[in-house]
Amino acid sequence: MLRYERFEAWQWAHRMALDVFAATDAWPRSERYALTSQTRRAALSVPTNIAEGVGRQGRRELAHYLSIALGSLTELGYLLRFSRDRGICSAQDWLRLEQVRAGPEPWSMVSTAESAHLTLPLPDPRRSRSPQPHRSFALSPVRPIVLSSY
């Protein structure tokens, strides 16, 4: 099992991406290179960024890639809503995908990072060029972004 496959957030995101790909198979061919492609890319970006973040060696980089994954998840939400409103995605498919997308799993990824319960082993010193002691580190809390009103 690859290192990122151990994370529940990645497992959930992988299943969600598979569900989105299955649902978009029924979308019109005329949308194949437009809305279908963009929706699939947004869905695939979530597990991809989680995997890439886990593969990085720093806490800040992991937090950065988790943030990108959440952004892609938000983009996916809008694309699914738009496709439903345009009659491309059935209401039944939209409701099913939206319940999965907006469920507790993606936000548990954020709370895990914020509460510093996520620990990752550093690279094996036998495989790196410069030996360093093997240890684990905890992800530091992520500060929320406050947007000012206009």
N, C-alpha and C. Protein backbone atom coordinates (compact mmCIF):
# COMPACT_ATOMS: atom_id res chain seq x y z
N MET A 1 0.84 -1.17 0.00
CA MET A 1 0.00 0.00 0.00
C MET A 1 0.89 1.24 0.00
N LEU A 2 0.60 2.15 -0.90
CA LEU A 2 1.35 3.39 -0.95
C LEU A 2 1.01 4.26 0.25
N ARG A 3 1.90 5.13 0.60
CA ARG A 3 1.77 5.93 1.81
C ARG A 3 0.46 6.74 1.84
N TYR A 4 0.08 7.38 0.73
CA TYR A 4 -1.13 8.19 0.72
C TYR A 4 -2.40 7.35 0.80
N GLU A 5 -2.32 6.07 0.39
CA GLU A 5 -3.50 5.21 0.43
C GLU A 5 -3.96 4.90 1.85
N ARG A 6 -3.12 5.16 2.82
CA ARG A 6 -3.47 4.92 4.22
C ARG A 6 -4.38 6.00 4.79
N PHE A 7 -4.46 7.14 4.12
CA PHE A 7 -5.24 8.25 4.62
C PHE A 7 -6.71 8.11 4.21
N GLU A 8 -7.60 8.19 5.21
CA GLU A 8 -9.03 8.07 4.93
C GLU A 8 -9.50 9.17 3.99
N ALA A 9 -8.93 10.37 4.10
CA ALA A 9 -9.32 11.47 3.22
C ALA A 9 -9.01 11.11 1.76
N TRP A 10 -7.87 10.49 1.52
CA TRP A 10 -7.53 10.09 0.15
C TRP A 10 -8.48 8.98 -0.32
N GLN A 11 -8.76 8.00 0.52
CA GLN A 11 -9.66 6.90 0.14
C GLN A 11 -11.04 7.44 -0.22
N TRP A 12 -11.54 8.35 0.59
CA TRP A 12 -12.84 8.96 0.31
C TRP A 12 -12.79 9.75 -1.01
N ALA A 13 -11.75 10.55 -1.20
CA ALA A 13 -11.63 11.38 -2.40
C ALA A 13 -11.50 10.51 -3.65
N HIS A 14 -10.80 9.40 -3.55
CA HIS A 14 -10.65 8.48 -4.68
C HIS A 14 -12.01 7.91 -5.09
N ARG A 15 -12.78 7.46 -4.09
CA ARG A 15 -14.12 6.92 -4.39
C ARG A 15 -15.02 8.00 -4.99
N MET A 16 -14.92 9.24 -4.46
CA MET A 16 -15.73 10.32 -4.99
C MET A 16 -15.37 10.61 -6.45
N ALA A 17 -14.08 10.63 -6.77
CA ALA A 17 -13.65 10.87 -8.15
C ALA A 17 -14.20 9.78 -9.07
N LEU A 18 -14.16 8.53 -8.62
CA LEU A 18 -14.72 7.44 -9.42
C LEU A 18 -16.21 7.64 -9.64
N ASP A 19 -16.93 8.09 -8.61
CA ASP A 19 -18.37 8.36 -8.74
C ASP A 19 -18.64 9.49 -9.73
N VAL A 20 -17.83 10.54 -9.69
CA VAL A 20 -18.01 11.66 -10.62
C VAL A 20 -17.75 11.20 -12.05
N PHE A 21 -16.70 10.42 -12.25
CA PHE A 21 -16.42 9.92 -13.60
C PHE A 21 -17.58 9.06 -14.11
N ALA A 22 -18.14 8.22 -13.24
CA ALA A 22 -19.26 7.37 -13.65
C ALA A 22 -20.48 8.22 -14.01
N ALA A 23 -20.78 9.24 -13.21
CA ALA A 23 -21.94 10.10 -13.48
C ALA A 23 -21.76 10.89 -14.76
N THR A 24 -20.55 11.36 -15.03
CA THR A 24 -20.32 12.18 -16.23
C THR A 24 -20.28 11.35 -17.50
N ASP A 25 -20.20 10.03 -17.38
CA ASP A 25 -20.27 9.17 -18.58
C ASP A 25 -21.59 9.37 -19.32
N ALA A 26 -22.64 9.74 -18.59
CA ALA A 26 -23.96 9.91 -19.21
C ALA A 26 -24.19 11.32 -19.73
N TRP A 27 -23.25 12.23 -19.52
CA TRP A 27 -23.44 13.60 -19.97
C TRP A 27 -23.31 13.67 -21.49
N PRO A 28 -23.88 14.70 -22.13
CA PRO A 28 -23.86 14.80 -23.59
C PRO A 28 -22.45 14.85 -24.17
N ARG A 29 -22.30 14.26 -25.35
CA ARG A 29 -21.01 14.28 -26.03
C ARG A 29 -20.55 15.71 -26.34
N SER A 30 -21.51 16.60 -26.55
CA SER A 30 -21.16 17.98 -26.87
C SER A 30 -20.44 18.67 -25.71
N GLU A 31 -20.55 18.13 -24.52
CA GLU A 31 -19.89 18.69 -23.34
C GLU A 31 -18.58 17.97 -22.99
N ARG A 32 -18.23 16.98 -23.78
CA ARG A 32 -17.06 16.14 -23.46
C ARG A 32 -15.78 16.95 -23.23
N TYR A 33 -15.53 17.97 -24.05
CA TYR A 33 -14.29 18.74 -23.93
C TYR A 33 -14.49 20.06 -23.20
N ALA A 34 -15.64 20.25 -22.63
CA ALA A 34 -15.91 21.49 -21.89
C ALA A 34 -16.27 21.14 -20.45
N LEU A 35 -17.55 21.14 -20.14
CA LEU A 35 -17.99 20.94 -18.76
C LEU A 35 -17.62 19.56 -18.21
N THR A 36 -17.76 18.53 -19.02
CA THR A 36 -17.41 17.18 -18.55
C THR A 36 -15.93 17.11 -18.18
N SER A 37 -15.09 17.62 -19.04
CA SER A 37 -13.65 17.58 -18.80
C SER A 37 -13.27 18.38 -17.56
N GLN A 38 -13.84 19.57 -17.41
CA GLN A 38 -13.48 20.40 -16.26
C GLN A 38 -13.99 19.78 -14.96
N THR A 39 -15.18 19.20 -14.99
CA THR A 39 -15.74 18.55 -13.79
C THR A 39 -14.88 17.36 -13.39
N ARG A 40 -14.48 16.58 -14.36
CA ARG A 40 -13.62 15.43 -14.07
C ARG A 40 -12.26 15.86 -13.53
N ARG A 41 -11.70 16.92 -14.11
CA ARG A 41 -10.40 17.41 -13.62
C ARG A 41 -10.50 17.89 -12.18
N ALA A 42 -11.58 18.59 -11.85
CA ALA A 42 -11.76 19.08 -10.48
C ALA A 42 -11.90 17.90 -9.51
N ALA A 43 -12.66 16.88 -9.91
CA ALA A 43 -12.85 15.70 -9.05
C ALA A 43 -11.54 14.95 -8.87
N LEU A 44 -10.79 14.80 -9.92
CA LEU A 44 -9.52 14.07 -9.87
C LEU A 44 -8.44 14.86 -9.12
N SER A 45 -8.57 16.16 -9.11
CA SER A 45 -7.60 17.01 -8.42
C SER A 45 -7.60 16.80 -6.92
N VAL A 46 -8.74 16.41 -6.35
CA VAL A 46 -8.83 16.25 -4.89
C VAL A 46 -7.91 15.12 -4.41
N PRO A 47 -8.10 13.87 -4.86
CA PRO A 47 -7.19 12.82 -4.38
C PRO A 47 -5.76 13.00 -4.86
N THR A 48 -5.59 13.61 -6.03
CA THR A 48 -4.25 13.83 -6.56
C THR A 48 -3.46 14.78 -5.65
N ASN A 49 -4.08 15.86 -5.22
CA ASN A 49 -3.38 16.81 -4.34
C ASN A 49 -3.15 16.25 -2.96
N ILE A 50 -4.06 15.42 -2.47
CA ILE A 50 -3.82 14.77 -1.18
C ILE A 50 -2.59 13.86 -1.30
N ALA A 51 -2.55 13.07 -2.38
CA ALA A 51 -1.41 12.17 -2.58
C ALA A 51 -0.11 12.95 -2.72
N GLU A 52 -0.14 14.04 -3.48
CA GLU A 52 1.08 14.83 -3.66
C GLU A 52 1.53 15.46 -2.36
N GLY A 53 0.57 15.96 -1.57
CA GLY A 53 0.92 16.56 -0.29
C GLY A 53 1.54 15.56 0.67
N VAL A 54 1.01 14.34 0.68
CA VAL A 54 1.57 13.30 1.54
C VAL A 54 2.97 12.93 1.08
N GLY A 55 3.21 13.01 -0.22
CA GLY A 55 4.52 12.68 -0.77
C GLY A 55 5.58 13.74 -0.52
N ARG A 56 5.16 14.93 -0.13
CA ARG A 56 6.12 15.99 0.19
C ARG A 56 6.69 15.76 1.57
N GLN A 57 7.75 16.46 1.90
CA GLN A 57 8.44 16.19 3.15
C GLN A 57 8.19 17.22 4.24
N GLY A 58 7.47 18.28 3.94
CA GLY A 58 7.28 19.30 4.95
C GLY A 58 5.82 19.48 5.34
N ARG A 59 5.63 19.91 6.57
CA ARG A 59 4.28 20.14 7.07
C ARG A 59 3.58 21.24 6.30
N ARG A 60 4.30 22.29 5.99
CA ARG A 60 3.69 23.41 5.25
C ARG A 60 3.27 22.97 3.86
N GLU A 61 4.09 22.16 3.23
CA GLU A 61 3.73 21.69 1.89
C GLU A 61 2.48 20.81 1.94
N LEU A 62 2.41 19.93 2.93
CA LEU A 62 1.22 19.09 3.07
C LEU A 62 -0.02 19.97 3.27
N ALA A 63 0.06 20.93 4.17
CA ALA A 63 -1.06 21.83 4.41
C ALA A 63 -1.44 22.57 3.14
N HIS A 64 -0.44 22.99 2.36
CA HIS A 64 -0.69 23.68 1.10
C HIS A 64 -1.48 22.80 0.13
N TYR A 65 -1.07 21.54 -0.02
CA TYR A 65 -1.75 20.64 -0.95
C TYR A 65 -3.14 20.24 -0.44
N LEU A 66 -3.32 20.14 0.87
CA LEU A 66 -4.66 19.90 1.41
C LEU A 66 -5.57 21.08 1.11
N SER A 67 -5.03 22.28 1.18
CA SER A 67 -5.79 23.49 0.85
C SER A 67 -6.20 23.49 -0.63
N ILE A 68 -5.29 23.10 -1.50
CA ILE A 68 -5.62 23.02 -2.93
C ILE A 68 -6.70 21.97 -3.16
N ALA A 69 -6.61 20.83 -2.46
CA ALA A 69 -7.63 19.78 -2.59
C ALA A 69 -9.00 20.31 -2.19
N LEU A 70 -9.06 21.07 -1.11
CA LEU A 70 -10.34 21.65 -0.68
C LEU A 70 -10.86 22.67 -1.69
N GLY A 71 -9.96 23.43 -2.29
CA GLY A 71 -10.36 24.37 -3.33
C GLY A 71 -10.95 23.64 -4.53
N SER A 72 -10.34 22.54 -4.92
CA SER A 72 -10.86 21.74 -6.03
C SER A 72 -12.21 21.14 -5.68
N LEU A 73 -12.39 20.78 -4.44
CA LEU A 73 -13.67 20.24 -3.99
C LEU A 73 -14.77 21.30 -4.09
N THR A 74 -14.44 22.54 -3.77
CA THR A 74 -15.38 23.64 -3.89
C THR A 74 -15.69 23.91 -5.36
N GLU A 75 -14.67 23.88 -6.20
CA GLU A 75 -14.87 24.05 -7.64
C GLU A 75 -15.80 22.96 -8.17
N LEU A 76 -15.58 21.73 -7.74
CA LEU A 76 -16.43 20.62 -8.16
C LEU A 76 -17.88 20.86 -7.76
N GLY A 77 -18.09 21.39 -6.56
CA GLY A 77 -19.45 21.69 -6.12
C GLY A 77 -20.16 22.65 -7.05
N TYR A 78 -19.46 23.70 -7.46
CA TYR A 78 -20.08 24.66 -8.37
C TYR A 78 -20.34 24.03 -9.74
N LEU A 79 -19.38 23.28 -10.26
CA LEU A 79 -19.55 22.66 -11.57
C LEU A 79 -20.73 21.69 -11.59
N LEU A 80 -20.89 20.93 -10.51
CA LEU A 80 -22.04 20.02 -10.43
C LEU A 80 -23.35 20.80 -10.36
N ARG A 81 -23.36 21.89 -9.59
CA ARG A 81 -24.58 22.71 -9.50
C ARG A 81 -24.91 23.32 -10.85
N PHE A 82 -23.90 23.85 -11.53
CA PHE A 82 -24.11 24.46 -12.85
C PHE A 82 -24.65 23.41 -13.83
N SER A 83 -24.05 22.22 -13.82
CA SER A 83 -24.50 21.17 -14.74
C SER A 83 -25.92 20.73 -14.42
N ARG A 84 -26.29 20.73 -13.14
CA ARG A 84 -27.67 20.40 -12.77
C ARG A 84 -28.61 21.48 -13.26
N ASP A 85 -28.26 22.74 -13.04
CA ASP A 85 -29.12 23.85 -13.45
C ASP A 85 -29.28 23.94 -14.96
N ARG A 86 -28.28 23.48 -15.70
CA ARG A 86 -28.35 23.46 -17.17
C ARG A 86 -29.02 22.19 -17.70
N GLY A 87 -29.39 21.28 -16.80
CA GLY A 87 -30.06 20.05 -17.22
C GLY A 87 -29.11 18.98 -17.73
N ILE A 88 -27.83 19.14 -17.49
CA ILE A 88 -26.84 18.18 -17.95
C ILE A 88 -26.70 17.04 -16.95
N CYS A 89 -26.69 17.38 -15.69
CA CYS A 89 -26.61 16.38 -14.61
C CYS A 89 -28.02 16.19 -14.05
N SER A 90 -28.45 14.96 -13.93
CA SER A 90 -29.78 14.70 -13.39
C SER A 90 -29.85 15.14 -11.93
N ALA A 91 -31.03 15.49 -11.48
CA ALA A 91 -31.21 15.92 -10.10
C ALA A 91 -30.82 14.79 -9.15
N GLN A 92 -31.11 13.56 -9.54
CA GLN A 92 -30.78 12.40 -8.70
C GLN A 92 -29.26 12.25 -8.58
N ASP A 93 -28.55 12.33 -9.71
CA ASP A 93 -27.08 12.24 -9.67
C ASP A 93 -26.49 13.40 -8.86
N TRP A 94 -27.02 14.62 -9.08
CA TRP A 94 -26.51 15.77 -8.36
C TRP A 94 -26.66 15.60 -6.86
N LEU A 95 -27.85 15.16 -6.43
CA LEU A 95 -28.09 15.00 -5.00
C LEU A 95 -27.14 13.96 -4.40
N ARG A 96 -26.97 12.85 -5.10
CA ARG A 96 -26.07 11.79 -4.61
C ARG A 96 -24.63 12.30 -4.52
N LEU A 97 -24.14 12.94 -5.58
CA LEU A 97 -22.77 13.45 -5.58
C LEU A 97 -22.58 14.58 -4.58
N GLU A 98 -23.57 15.43 -4.44
CA GLU A 98 -23.46 16.55 -3.50
C GLU A 98 -23.43 16.07 -2.06
N GLN A 99 -24.20 15.04 -1.76
CA GLN A 99 -24.18 14.48 -0.40
C GLN A 99 -22.81 13.90 -0.07
N VAL A 100 -22.19 13.27 -1.06
CA VAL A 100 -20.84 12.73 -0.85
C VAL A 100 -19.83 13.87 -0.74
N ARG A 101 -19.91 14.83 -1.68
CA ARG A 101 -18.95 15.93 -1.74
C ARG A 101 -19.02 16.80 -0.50
N ALA A 102 -20.20 17.09 0.00
CA ALA A 102 -20.36 18.01 1.12
C ALA A 102 -20.48 17.28 2.46
N GLY A 103 -20.19 16.01 2.47
CA GLY A 103 -20.27 15.23 3.71
C GLY A 103 -19.17 15.59 4.69
N PRO A 104 -19.07 14.83 5.75
CA PRO A 104 -18.10 15.15 6.80
C PRO A 104 -16.65 14.83 6.43
N GLU A 105 -16.42 13.97 5.44
CA GLU A 105 -15.06 13.53 5.14
C GLU A 105 -14.10 14.66 4.76
N PRO A 106 -14.47 15.55 3.82
CA PRO A 106 -13.49 16.58 3.47
C PRO A 106 -13.18 17.53 4.62
N TRP A 107 -14.15 17.79 5.44
CA TRP A 107 -13.92 18.73 6.54
C TRP A 107 -13.18 18.07 7.68
N SER A 108 -13.26 16.74 7.76
CA SER A 108 -12.45 16.06 8.77
C SER A 108 -10.97 16.18 8.41
N MET A 109 -10.69 16.28 7.11
CA MET A 109 -9.32 16.48 6.66
C MET A 109 -8.79 17.82 7.19
N VAL A 110 -9.63 18.84 7.16
CA VAL A 110 -9.23 20.16 7.65
C VAL A 110 -9.09 20.14 9.16
N SER A 111 -10.06 19.56 9.85
CA SER A 111 -9.99 19.55 11.30
C SER A 111 -8.82 18.72 11.78
N THR A 112 -8.48 17.67 11.04
CA THR A 112 -7.31 16.87 11.40
C THR A 112 -6.05 17.72 11.32
N ALA A 113 -5.94 18.47 10.26
CA ALA A 113 -4.77 19.34 10.11
C ALA A 113 -4.76 20.42 11.17
N GLU A 114 -5.93 21.00 11.44
CA GLU A 114 -5.99 22.09 12.40
C GLU A 114 -5.72 21.63 13.83
N SER A 115 -6.14 20.43 14.16
CA SER A 115 -5.95 19.97 15.54
C SER A 115 -4.61 19.27 15.75
N ALA A 116 -3.80 19.23 14.70
CA ALA A 116 -2.43 18.70 14.78
C ALA A 116 -2.37 17.23 15.20
N HIS A 117 -3.38 16.48 14.81
CA HIS A 117 -3.36 15.04 15.11
C HIS A 117 -2.72 14.23 13.99
N LEU A 118 -2.46 14.86 12.87
CA LEU A 118 -1.90 14.15 11.73
C LEU A 118 -0.39 14.05 11.89
N THR A 119 0.12 12.84 11.91
CA THR A 119 1.57 12.66 11.99
C THR A 119 2.03 11.88 10.77
N LEU A 120 3.16 12.25 10.29
CA LEU A 120 3.75 11.60 9.12
C LEU A 120 5.19 11.23 9.42
N PRO A 121 5.62 10.04 9.04
CA PRO A 121 7.02 9.71 9.24
C PRO A 121 7.90 10.46 8.23
N LEU A 122 9.05 10.87 8.68
CA LEU A 122 10.01 11.47 7.76
C LEU A 122 10.63 10.37 6.91
N PRO A 123 11.29 10.71 5.82
CA PRO A 123 11.87 9.71 4.94
C PRO A 123 12.85 8.79 5.67
N ASP A 124 12.93 7.59 5.19
CA ASP A 124 13.85 6.60 5.75
C ASP A 124 15.28 7.09 5.49
N PRO A 125 16.10 7.26 6.52
CA PRO A 125 17.45 7.78 6.33
C PRO A 125 18.32 6.86 5.47
N ARG A 126 17.99 5.59 5.39
CA ARG A 126 18.78 4.68 4.56
C ARG A 126 18.57 4.94 3.08
N ARG A 127 17.47 5.62 2.74
CA ARG A 127 17.16 5.90 1.34
C ARG A 127 17.50 7.32 0.93
N SER A 128 17.85 8.16 1.87
CA SER A 128 18.17 9.54 1.53
C SER A 128 19.68 9.71 1.37
N ARG A 129 20.06 10.79 0.74
CA ARG A 129 21.48 11.05 0.49
C ARG A 129 22.20 11.48 1.75
N SER A 130 21.54 12.29 2.58
CA SER A 130 22.19 12.74 3.80
C SER A 130 21.47 12.10 4.99
N PRO A 131 22.18 11.28 5.74
CA PRO A 131 21.53 10.60 6.86
C PRO A 131 21.00 11.58 7.89
N GLN A 132 19.80 11.29 8.38
CA GLN A 132 19.21 12.07 9.46
C GLN A 132 18.40 11.12 10.33
N PRO A 133 18.24 11.45 11.58
CA PRO A 133 17.52 10.54 12.46
C PRO A 133 16.07 10.40 12.02
N HIS A 134 15.53 9.20 12.16
CA HIS A 134 14.13 8.94 11.81
C HIS A 134 13.24 9.41 12.95
N ARG A 135 12.29 10.27 12.62
CA ARG A 135 11.36 10.76 13.63
C ARG A 135 10.03 11.09 12.95
N SER A 136 9.03 11.37 13.74
CA SER A 136 7.73 11.78 13.23
C SER A 136 7.49 13.23 13.61
N PHE A 137 6.64 13.88 12.88
CA PHE A 137 6.28 15.24 13.24
C PHE A 137 4.77 15.39 13.12
N ALA A 138 4.24 16.32 13.87
CA ALA A 138 2.81 16.60 13.84
C ALA A 138 2.57 17.82 12.97
N LEU A 139 1.47 17.83 12.27
CA LEU A 139 1.11 18.97 11.43
C LEU A 139 0.66 20.11 12.33
N SER A 140 1.25 21.28 12.16
CA SER A 140 0.88 22.41 13.00
C SER A 140 -0.50 22.92 12.59
N PRO A 141 -1.21 23.56 13.51
CA PRO A 141 -2.54 24.06 13.20
C PRO A 141 -2.51 25.07 12.05
N VAL A 142 -3.54 25.02 11.23
CA VAL A 142 -3.67 25.94 10.11
C VAL A 142 -4.51 27.12 10.57
N ARG A 143 -4.03 28.31 10.31
CA ARG A 143 -4.79 29.49 10.69
C ARG A 143 -5.86 29.77 9.65
N PRO A 144 -7.10 30.09 10.09
CA PRO A 144 -8.16 30.38 9.14
C PRO A 144 -7.89 31.70 8.42
N ILE A 145 -8.34 31.78 7.21
CA ILE A 145 -8.22 33.02 6.43
C ILE A 145 -9.47 33.85 6.68
N VAL A 146 -9.29 35.09 7.07
CA VAL A 146 -10.42 35.98 7.32
C VAL A 146 -10.52 36.94 6.15
N LEU A 147 -11.68 36.94 5.51
CA LEU A 147 -11.90 37.82 4.38
C LEU A 147 -12.62 39.07 4.88
N SER A 148 -12.16 40.22 4.46
CA SER A 148 -12.82 41.45 4.87
C SER A 148 -14.03 41.70 3.97
N SER A 149 -15.03 42.34 4.47
CA SER A 149 -16.21 42.65 3.66
C SER A 149 -15.94 43.93 2.86
N TYR A 150 -16.59 44.01 1.75
CA TYR A 150 -16.41 45.17 0.88
C TYR A 150 -17.42 46.23 1.19
